Amino acid sequence: MDVQGTVEAGFEPVRDAFVRNFERLGEQGAAVAVYRDGRKVVDLWAGTRDLTGRDLTGQEPGDRGADGTDGVDAAPWAVDTAQIVRSATKGVAAAVPLLLHQRGQIDLDAPVGTYWPEFKSAGKERVLVRHILSHRAGVPVLDRPLTPAEAIDGESGARALAAQRPEWEPGTDHGYHAHTYSWLIAELVRRVTGRGVGRWIAEEIARPLGLDFWVGLPAEEAHRVGRIGPVEEPTAVGGALRLRPKRSVSEAYRDAESLTRRAFGVIEPRPDENDPAYRAAELPASGGISTARALARCYAAMIGPVDGHRLFAPATLTLARTEESAGPDRVLVVATRFGLGFMLHGPAAPLLGPGSFGHPGRGGSLGFADPESGIAMGYVTNGMRKGVTADPRAQALVRAVRTATSSPDEAI
């Protein structure tokens, strides 16, 4: 495997794990980056920019697109290749209301309706800002799924949520708001700042930190973004980590009446994530596009300075990783832990240690930080597996980072 990039001394286990992902876990194109104490120590990429098997459009390598060009190619992953990271977007998006709170523009304990009056209907009068960040708002589903066009038009999602009745008493329980998180966060940010969430991230987070991260991909950057597609999990090999609950998320998803199915199916039919219109939309739950380097650098700036820039003040960092929700998740079926917008370390999202916070993306990608060790990591891939959390490729890299940062008697 021809791996490009750099690894500092002591972090060679991460490179070894990255290579094994290609050799044993079916990786086709991916990148991983790690920062420690604000400094980049791992920056690796390999494989092909586009998934080179059948992808979401049904094309095979060599198929001709409508414009006469190859629909899928085998161009190598480059230093600046970016990919859609699905729900790993949520972690970066969560930084927006936390930073607005840090600046005194949002009260986390205020009703959402304080900023978005239309939301105060159908039993949602007492939904607080902290509830939408911790997946306690009770609106993970919609009475009627949105079409792909409605999902990205910037209006229909928020309008549907304003009219939606909660599935449970807000604040009393939690369940993953897989897609509705997009319109909750986007509308809240728009009402408070007058800016779209993608523009806010671009101007207040990505530009100062020099991040190749977008919620709403600019047309001039589209050439850098690879095509994603589904890949099957390979046959288990000796020593491979298996993290499967007694009833998996995929099993719950197959039940047409389940909250899982309804929450992940709020956009019907399933949107084509390789469609330029979808990539240009501001969907902070699932539509972010990033390099691994940008994810790692963003999380590094949440826990400390990076080239003179720091995102979170100490009090905000505490908010981000203080447990708000824990236990059986009404949507994901397994036990989950959430802070304010971030998944916390636990069986459903194993990160580096008890103080880690971040967010995986359904199918593979991952971004997180661990303040105790000073580590921040980003991983992106073009091969999307069926799982929602604990992707075996990402977990192999997390374990390698743990090995690299542990003393010999602590290494796992």
Protein backbone atom coordinates (compact mmCIF):
# COMPACT_ATOMS: atom_id res chain seq x y z
CA MET A 1 0.00 0.00 0.00
CA ASP A 2 1.42 3.36 -1.09
CA VAL A 3 0.73 5.62 1.89
CA GLN A 4 1.46 9.33 1.54
CA GLY A 5 2.12 11.87 4.27
CA THR A 6 4.08 12.09 7.50
CA VAL A 7 4.20 10.52 10.95
CA GLU A 8 6.28 11.85 13.82
CA ALA A 9 8.43 9.50 15.86
CA GLY A 10 6.34 7.57 18.35
CA PHE A 11 3.19 7.60 16.23
CA GLU A 12 4.25 4.81 13.87
CA PRO A 13 1.45 2.54 15.26
CA VAL A 14 -1.07 4.85 13.59
CA ARG A 15 0.57 4.37 10.21
CA ASP A 16 0.66 0.60 10.76
CA ALA A 17 -3.05 0.54 11.64
CA PHE A 18 -3.87 2.73 8.63
CA VAL A 19 -2.10 0.28 6.31
CA ARG A 20 -3.88 -2.69 7.90
CA ASN A 21 -7.22 -1.01 7.25
CA PHE A 22 -6.49 -1.29 3.53
CA GLU A 23 -5.07 -4.80 3.76
CA ARG A 24 -7.62 -6.36 6.10
CA LEU A 25 -10.68 -4.14 6.47
CA GLY A 26 -11.51 -3.28 2.87
CA GLU A 27 -10.49 0.37 2.92
CA GLN A 28 -10.34 1.90 -0.58
CA GLY A 29 -9.60 5.56 0.02
CA ALA A 30 -9.05 7.35 3.32
CA ALA A 31 -7.06 9.85 5.35
CA VAL A 32 -6.22 10.24 9.03
CA ALA A 33 -4.69 13.14 10.93
CA VAL A 34 -3.72 13.58 14.57
CA TYR A 35 -2.77 16.70 16.50
CA ARG A 36 -1.09 16.67 19.91
CA ASP A 37 -1.00 19.83 22.01
CA GLY A 38 -1.93 21.90 18.99
CA ARG A 39 0.75 20.45 16.71
CA LYS A 40 0.18 18.03 13.83
CA VAL A 41 1.90 14.69 14.44
CA VAL A 42 0.13 12.42 11.93
CA ASP A 43 -1.05 13.32 8.42
CA LEU A 44 -1.64 10.29 6.16
CA TRP A 45 -3.67 9.48 3.07
CA ALA A 46 -3.87 6.58 0.63
CA GLY A 47 -6.01 4.81 -1.93
CA THR A 48 -8.32 6.31 -4.51
CA ARG A 49 -10.22 9.56 -4.29
CA ASP A 50 -13.45 7.96 -5.53
CA LEU A 51 -14.81 4.65 -4.34
CA THR A 52 -13.79 2.31 -7.15
CA GLY A 53 -16.68 -0.14 -6.85
CA ARG A 54 -20.41 0.29 -7.41
CA ASP A 55 -21.38 3.50 -5.67
CA LEU A 56 -24.61 5.21 -4.66
CA THR A 57 -25.47 6.02 -8.28
CA GLY A 58 -25.03 2.41 -9.40
CA GLN A 59 -22.08 3.28 -11.61
CA GLU A 60 -19.08 1.03 -12.07
CA PRO A 61 -15.53 2.18 -12.85
CA GLY A 62 -15.41 3.23 -16.47
CA ASP A 63 -19.15 3.97 -16.75
CA ARG A 64 -19.81 7.11 -18.74
CA GLY A 65 -21.64 9.99 -17.16
CA ALA A 66 -24.26 12.13 -18.89
CA ASP A 67 -21.55 14.58 -19.90
CA GLY A 68 -19.50 11.85 -21.55
CA THR A 69 -16.87 11.69 -18.82
CA ASP A 70 -16.12 8.77 -16.58
CA GLY A 71 -18.68 8.55 -13.79
CA VAL A 72 -16.25 6.87 -11.39
CA ASP A 73 -12.48 7.05 -11.68
CA ALA A 74 -9.49 5.66 -9.87
CA ALA A 75 -7.59 8.91 -9.37
CA PRO A 76 -5.36 8.69 -6.30
CA TRP A 77 -6.32 10.37 -3.05
CA ALA A 78 -4.40 13.65 -2.97
CA VAL A 79 -3.07 15.81 -0.18
CA ASP A 80 -6.13 18.07 -0.40
CA THR A 81 -8.85 15.45 -1.08
CA ALA A 82 -12.01 16.02 0.97
CA GLN A 83 -15.03 13.80 1.55
CA ILE A 84 -18.53 14.10 2.93
CA VAL A 85 -18.33 13.13 6.61
CA ARG A 86 -22.01 12.65 7.39
CA SER A 87 -22.72 12.99 11.13
CA ALA A 88 -19.13 13.88 11.98
CA THR A 89 -20.46 17.26 10.80
CA LYS A 90 -22.54 17.46 13.98
CA GLY A 91 -19.52 17.98 16.20
CA VAL A 92 -18.26 20.99 14.27
CA ALA A 93 -21.80 22.36 13.98
CA ALA A 94 -22.27 22.01 17.75
CA ALA A 95 -19.39 24.40 18.24
CA VAL A 96 -21.51 27.19 16.73
CA PRO A 97 -24.19 27.51 19.46
CA LEU A 98 -21.53 26.89 22.11
CA LEU A 99 -19.43 29.74 20.74
CA LEU A 100 -22.52 31.94 20.54
CA HIS A 101 -23.17 31.10 24.19
CA GLN A 102 -19.53 31.91 24.97
CA ARG A 103 -20.06 35.31 23.35
CA GLY A 104 -23.27 35.95 25.27
CA GLN A 105 -25.59 35.65 22.27
CA ILE A 106 -27.39 32.41 23.26
CA ASP A 107 -28.67 31.25 26.63
CA LEU A 108 -28.47 27.45 26.70
CA ASP A 109 -31.28 27.33 29.26
CA ALA A 110 -33.64 29.52 27.27
CA PRO A 111 -36.56 27.98 25.38
CA VAL A 112 -35.80 27.55 21.68
CA GLY A 113 -38.95 29.60 21.07
CA THR A 114 -37.21 32.63 22.57
CA TYR A 115 -35.19 32.84 19.36
CA TRP A 116 -37.55 31.00 17.01
CA PRO A 117 -41.14 31.91 18.01
CA GLU A 118 -42.81 29.56 15.51
CA PHE A 119 -41.22 26.61 17.31
CA LYS A 120 -43.41 27.23 20.38
CA SER A 121 -46.26 24.98 19.26
CA ALA A 122 -47.60 21.44 19.54
CA GLY A 123 -46.11 20.79 22.98
CA LYS A 124 -42.63 22.20 22.34
CA GLU A 125 -42.96 25.33 24.45
CA ARG A 126 -40.49 24.04 27.04
CA VAL A 127 -37.84 22.72 24.64
CA LEU A 128 -34.60 24.39 25.71
CA VAL A 129 -31.56 25.14 23.57
CA ARG A 130 -29.59 22.55 25.56
CA HIS A 131 -32.26 19.97 24.71
CA ILE A 132 -31.66 20.22 20.97
CA LEU A 133 -27.90 19.92 21.50
CA SER A 134 -28.26 16.84 23.74
CA HIS A 135 -30.89 15.07 21.60
CA ARG A 136 -33.61 15.57 24.24
CA ALA A 137 -35.97 17.75 22.19
CA GLY A 138 -38.22 14.82 21.25
CA VAL A 139 -38.41 15.62 17.53
CA PRO A 140 -36.14 13.08 15.77
CA VAL A 141 -38.89 12.27 13.24
CA LEU A 142 -41.36 14.09 11.02
CA ASP A 143 -44.99 13.23 10.37
CA ARG A 144 -44.23 13.38 6.65
CA PRO A 145 -40.76 12.74 5.22
CA LEU A 146 -39.27 15.58 3.21
CA THR A 147 -38.28 15.12 -0.39
CA PRO A 148 -34.57 15.63 -1.14
CA ALA A 149 -35.44 18.99 -2.70
CA GLU A 150 -37.33 20.09 0.42
CA ALA A 151 -34.53 18.90 2.69
CA ILE A 152 -32.03 21.28 1.11
CA ASP A 153 -34.21 24.31 0.34
CA GLY A 154 -33.43 26.04 3.64
CA GLU A 155 -37.09 26.46 4.64
CA SER A 156 -39.11 23.24 4.57
CA GLY A 157 -37.21 21.43 7.30
CA ALA A 158 -37.53 24.24 9.83
CA ARG A 159 -41.18 24.77 8.96
CA ALA A 160 -41.95 21.06 9.43
CA LEU A 161 -40.19 20.97 12.80
CA ALA A 162 -42.02 24.06 14.03
CA ALA A 163 -45.32 22.24 13.45
CA GLN A 164 -44.14 18.83 14.70
CA ARG A 165 -45.43 17.30 17.93
CA PRO A 166 -42.70 15.72 20.10
CA GLU A 167 -42.43 11.94 20.40
CA TRP A 168 -41.83 12.25 24.15
CA GLU A 169 -41.97 15.00 26.77
CA PRO A 170 -39.00 17.22 25.87
CA GLY A 171 -36.16 17.06 28.34
CA THR A 172 -37.25 13.76 29.92
CA ASP A 173 -35.41 11.33 27.64
CA HIS A 174 -33.03 11.26 24.69
CA GLY A 175 -32.97 9.84 21.19
CA TYR A 176 -30.58 10.61 18.35
CA HIS A 177 -31.88 13.37 16.07
CA ALA A 178 -30.09 11.97 13.03
CA HIS A 179 -31.38 14.40 10.40
CA THR A 180 -33.67 16.83 12.20
CA TYR A 181 -30.59 18.15 14.01
CA SER A 182 -29.77 19.89 10.70
CA TRP A 183 -32.82 22.12 10.68
CA LEU A 184 -32.87 22.66 14.44
CA ILE A 185 -29.29 23.98 14.50
CA ALA A 186 -29.48 25.82 11.19
CA GLU A 187 -32.66 27.70 12.07
CA LEU A 188 -31.48 28.55 15.59
CA VAL A 189 -28.22 29.99 14.24
CA ARG A 190 -30.03 31.91 11.51
CA ARG A 191 -32.50 33.44 13.98
CA VAL A 192 -29.73 34.49 16.40
CA THR A 193 -27.08 35.71 13.95
CA GLY A 194 -28.87 36.44 10.68
CA ARG A 195 -26.34 34.17 8.97
CA GLY A 196 -26.65 30.65 7.65
CA VAL A 197 -24.82 28.06 9.71
CA GLY A 198 -22.50 27.23 6.80
CA ARG A 199 -21.51 30.85 6.39
CA TRP A 200 -21.00 31.22 10.15
CA ILE A 201 -18.69 28.21 10.25
CA ALA A 202 -16.80 29.47 7.20
CA GLU A 203 -16.28 32.95 8.63
CA GLU A 204 -15.81 32.25 12.34
CA ILE A 205 -14.20 28.79 12.45
CA ALA A 206 -12.82 27.59 9.13
CA ARG A 207 -11.24 30.82 7.90
CA PRO A 208 -9.34 31.74 11.09
CA LEU A 209 -8.07 28.17 11.49
CA GLY A 210 -7.39 27.55 7.80
CA LEU A 211 -9.73 24.55 7.63
CA ASP A 212 -10.79 22.71 4.50
CA PHE A 213 -14.24 22.18 6.01
CA TRP A 214 -17.56 23.24 4.52
CA VAL A 215 -21.23 22.99 5.37
CA GLY A 216 -22.39 24.05 1.94
CA LEU A 217 -19.63 23.23 -0.53
CA PRO A 218 -18.54 26.16 -2.73
CA ALA A 219 -18.63 25.32 -6.44
CA GLU A 220 -14.95 26.22 -6.82
CA GLU A 221 -13.96 23.48 -4.34
CA ALA A 222 -16.06 20.69 -5.87
CA HIS A 223 -13.16 19.27 -7.89
CA ARG A 224 -11.39 18.26 -4.67
CA VAL A 225 -14.19 16.12 -3.28
CA GLY A 226 -14.25 12.38 -3.88
CA ARG A 227 -17.28 10.21 -4.45
CA ILE A 228 -18.52 8.06 -1.59
CA GLY A 229 -20.42 4.80 -1.73
CA PRO A 230 -21.36 1.76 0.33
CA VAL A 231 -18.94 -1.05 1.05
CA GLU A 232 -19.63 -4.34 2.74
CA GLU A 233 -17.91 -5.29 5.97
CA PRO A 234 -15.23 -7.91 5.29
CA THR A 235 -15.26 -11.32 6.87
CA ALA A 236 -13.96 -11.13 10.43
CA VAL A 237 -10.28 -11.85 10.85
CA GLY A 238 -8.48 -13.05 13.95
CA GLY A 239 -8.32 -10.35 16.58
CA ALA A 240 -10.75 -8.02 14.79
CA LEU A 241 -12.78 -5.89 17.17
CA ARG A 242 -16.50 -6.59 17.21
CA LEU A 243 -18.78 -4.05 18.84
CA ARG A 244 -22.29 -5.33 18.22
CA PRO A 245 -25.09 -4.93 20.75
CA LYS A 246 -27.66 -7.69 21.24
CA ARG A 247 -29.98 -5.78 18.97
CA SER A 248 -28.08 -3.73 16.46
CA VAL A 249 -29.07 -0.39 15.01
CA SER A 250 -29.29 -2.00 11.58
CA GLU A 251 -31.80 -4.53 12.91
CA ALA A 252 -33.94 -1.76 14.39
CA TYR A 253 -33.67 0.17 11.13
CA ARG A 254 -35.22 -2.72 9.20
CA ASP A 255 -38.40 -2.37 11.28
CA ALA A 256 -40.53 -0.02 9.19
CA GLU A 257 -42.44 1.20 12.26
CA SER A 258 -39.43 1.77 14.50
CA LEU A 259 -38.32 5.18 15.65
CA THR A 260 -34.92 4.28 14.20
CA ARG A 261 -36.34 3.77 10.74
CA ARG A 262 -38.42 6.92 10.93
CA ALA A 263 -35.55 9.06 12.26
CA PHE A 264 -33.12 7.98 9.55
CA GLY A 265 -35.87 8.15 6.93
CA VAL A 266 -37.00 11.76 7.33
CA ILE A 267 -35.72 12.40 3.79
CA GLU A 268 -37.37 10.13 1.21
CA PRO A 269 -36.22 8.93 -1.19
CA ARG A 270 -32.68 8.70 0.10
CA PRO A 271 -30.69 11.65 -1.25
CA ASP A 272 -27.72 11.16 -3.55
CA GLU A 273 -24.84 12.42 -1.43
CA ASN A 274 -22.66 12.74 -4.52
CA ASP A 275 -25.12 15.20 -6.08
CA PRO A 276 -23.61 18.71 -6.31
CA ALA A 277 -26.90 20.24 -5.11
CA TYR A 278 -26.84 18.11 -1.95
CA ARG A 279 -23.21 18.96 -1.28
CA ALA A 280 -23.93 22.67 -1.67
CA ALA A 281 -26.75 22.56 0.90
CA GLU A 282 -26.31 23.69 4.51
CA LEU A 283 -27.06 20.47 6.41
CA PRO A 284 -25.14 20.61 9.70
CA ALA A 285 -26.32 17.14 10.75
CA SER A 286 -24.99 15.22 7.79
CA GLY A 287 -23.69 17.31 4.91
CA GLY A 288 -20.28 18.55 6.03
CA ILE A 289 -17.34 18.03 3.69
CA SER A 290 -13.86 17.89 5.16
CA THR A 291 -10.33 16.63 5.05
CA ALA A 292 -9.09 14.52 7.96
CA ARG A 293 -6.60 17.29 8.67
CA ALA A 294 -9.39 19.86 9.05
CA LEU A 295 -11.38 17.70 11.48
CA ALA A 296 -8.33 17.08 13.63
CA ARG A 297 -7.25 20.73 13.57
CA CYS A 298 -10.74 21.95 14.49
CA TYR A 299 -10.92 19.64 17.50
CA ALA A 300 -7.38 20.60 18.48
CA ALA A 301 -8.51 24.24 18.60
CA MET A 302 -11.44 23.29 20.84
CA ILE A 303 -9.07 22.06 23.56
CA GLY A 304 -6.12 24.41 23.17
CA PRO A 305 -4.36 26.95 20.96
CA VAL A 306 -3.46 26.06 17.37
CA ASP A 307 -1.15 28.58 15.76
CA GLY A 308 -2.50 31.23 18.09
CA HIS A 309 -6.19 30.39 17.63
CA ARG A 310 -8.37 28.74 20.26
CA LEU A 311 -12.11 28.10 19.96
CA PHE A 312 -13.37 27.14 23.42
CA ALA A 313 -12.71 28.95 26.66
CA PRO A 314 -12.23 26.53 29.56
CA ALA A 315 -15.84 26.90 30.71
CA THR A 316 -17.14 26.16 27.21
CA LEU A 317 -14.91 23.09 26.93
CA THR A 318 -16.42 21.85 30.19
CA LEU A 319 -19.92 22.34 28.77
CA ALA A 320 -19.04 20.44 25.61
CA ARG A 321 -18.02 17.29 27.43
CA THR A 322 -20.27 17.34 30.50
CA GLU A 323 -22.81 14.53 30.26
CA GLU A 324 -26.33 15.72 29.41
CA SER A 325 -27.84 12.46 28.14
CA ALA A 326 -26.97 8.86 28.96
CA GLY A 327 -28.57 5.44 28.80
CA PRO A 328 -30.82 3.67 26.29
CA ASP A 329 -31.23 5.82 23.18
CA ARG A 330 -34.77 5.80 21.79
CA VAL A 331 -33.49 6.02 18.24
CA LEU A 332 -30.15 4.22 18.20
CA VAL A 333 -31.50 1.39 20.41
CA VAL A 334 -28.15 1.07 22.24
CA ALA A 335 -26.91 3.10 25.22
CA THR A 336 -25.41 6.44 24.20
CA ARG A 337 -23.83 9.41 25.99
CA PHE A 338 -24.06 13.02 24.83
CA GLY A 339 -22.74 16.33 26.03
CA LEU A 340 -23.92 19.55 24.40
CA GLY A 341 -23.78 18.51 20.75
CA PHE A 342 -21.01 15.94 21.13
CA MET A 343 -20.99 12.21 21.65
CA LEU A 344 -19.00 11.26 24.72
CA HIS A 345 -16.72 8.28 25.20
CA GLY A 346 -18.64 5.07 25.83
CA PRO A 347 -19.54 1.67 24.33
CA ALA A 348 -21.48 3.22 21.44
CA ALA A 349 -18.69 5.68 20.61
CA PRO A 350 -15.36 4.43 21.98
CA LEU A 351 -12.91 7.32 21.89
CA LEU A 352 -9.52 7.76 23.51
CA GLY A 353 -10.56 7.97 27.15
CA PRO A 354 -13.27 8.97 29.66
CA GLY A 355 -12.85 12.69 28.98
CA SER A 356 -12.98 12.44 25.17
CA PHE A 357 -15.72 14.10 23.13
CA GLY A 358 -16.45 14.19 19.41
CA HIS A 359 -18.74 12.70 16.80
CA PRO A 360 -18.68 9.77 14.38
CA GLY A 361 -20.32 9.83 10.99
CA ARG A 362 -22.59 7.01 9.92
CA GLY A 363 -20.53 4.64 7.83
CA GLY A 364 -17.04 5.55 8.95
CA SER A 365 -15.77 9.09 9.55
CA LEU A 366 -14.77 10.35 12.99
CA GLY A 367 -13.56 13.50 14.69
CA PHE A 368 -12.80 13.88 18.40
CA ALA A 369 -10.59 15.43 21.04
CA ASP A 370 -9.20 14.21 24.34
CA PRO A 371 -8.19 17.13 26.58
CA GLU A 372 -6.33 14.97 29.08
CA SER A 373 -3.82 13.77 26.48
CA GLY A 374 -3.98 16.84 24.24
CA ILE A 375 -4.95 14.60 21.30
CA ALA A 376 -7.32 15.52 18.48
CA MET A 377 -8.01 13.15 15.59
CA GLY A 378 -9.83 13.22 12.27
CA TYR A 379 -10.55 10.28 9.96
CA VAL A 380 -12.41 10.38 6.64
CA THR A 381 -13.16 7.65 4.11
CA ASN A 382 -15.00 7.14 0.83
CA GLY A 383 -16.25 3.65 1.74
CA MET A 384 -19.40 3.83 3.86
CA ARG A 385 -20.31 0.83 6.00
CA LYS A 386 -23.75 0.11 7.42
CA GLY A 387 -22.94 0.91 11.05
CA VAL A 388 -23.78 4.19 12.75
CA THR A 389 -21.01 4.17 15.38
CA ALA A 390 -17.81 2.28 16.27
CA ASP A 391 -16.62 1.69 12.71
CA PRO A 392 -13.85 -0.96 12.87
CA ARG A 393 -11.46 1.09 10.70
CA ALA A 394 -11.84 4.20 12.85
CA GLN A 395 -11.56 2.11 16.01
CA ALA A 396 -8.33 0.51 14.79
CA LEU A 397 -6.87 3.99 14.41
CA VAL A 398 -8.14 5.10 17.83
CA ARG A 399 -6.49 2.09 19.45
CA ALA A 400 -3.25 2.88 17.62
CA VAL A 401 -3.34 6.48 18.90
CA ARG A 402 -3.92 5.13 22.41
CA THR A 403 -0.91 2.86 22.04
CA ALA A 404 1.23 5.73 20.77
CA THR A 405 0.29 8.02 23.65
CA SER A 406 0.39 5.49 26.50
CA SER A 407 3.31 4.52 28.64
CA PRO A 408 4.32 0.85 28.19
CA ASP A 409 2.38 -0.30 31.24
CA GLU A 410 -0.73 1.64 30.14
CA ALA A 411 -0.81 0.54 26.48
CA ILE A 412 -3.77 -1.55 25.41
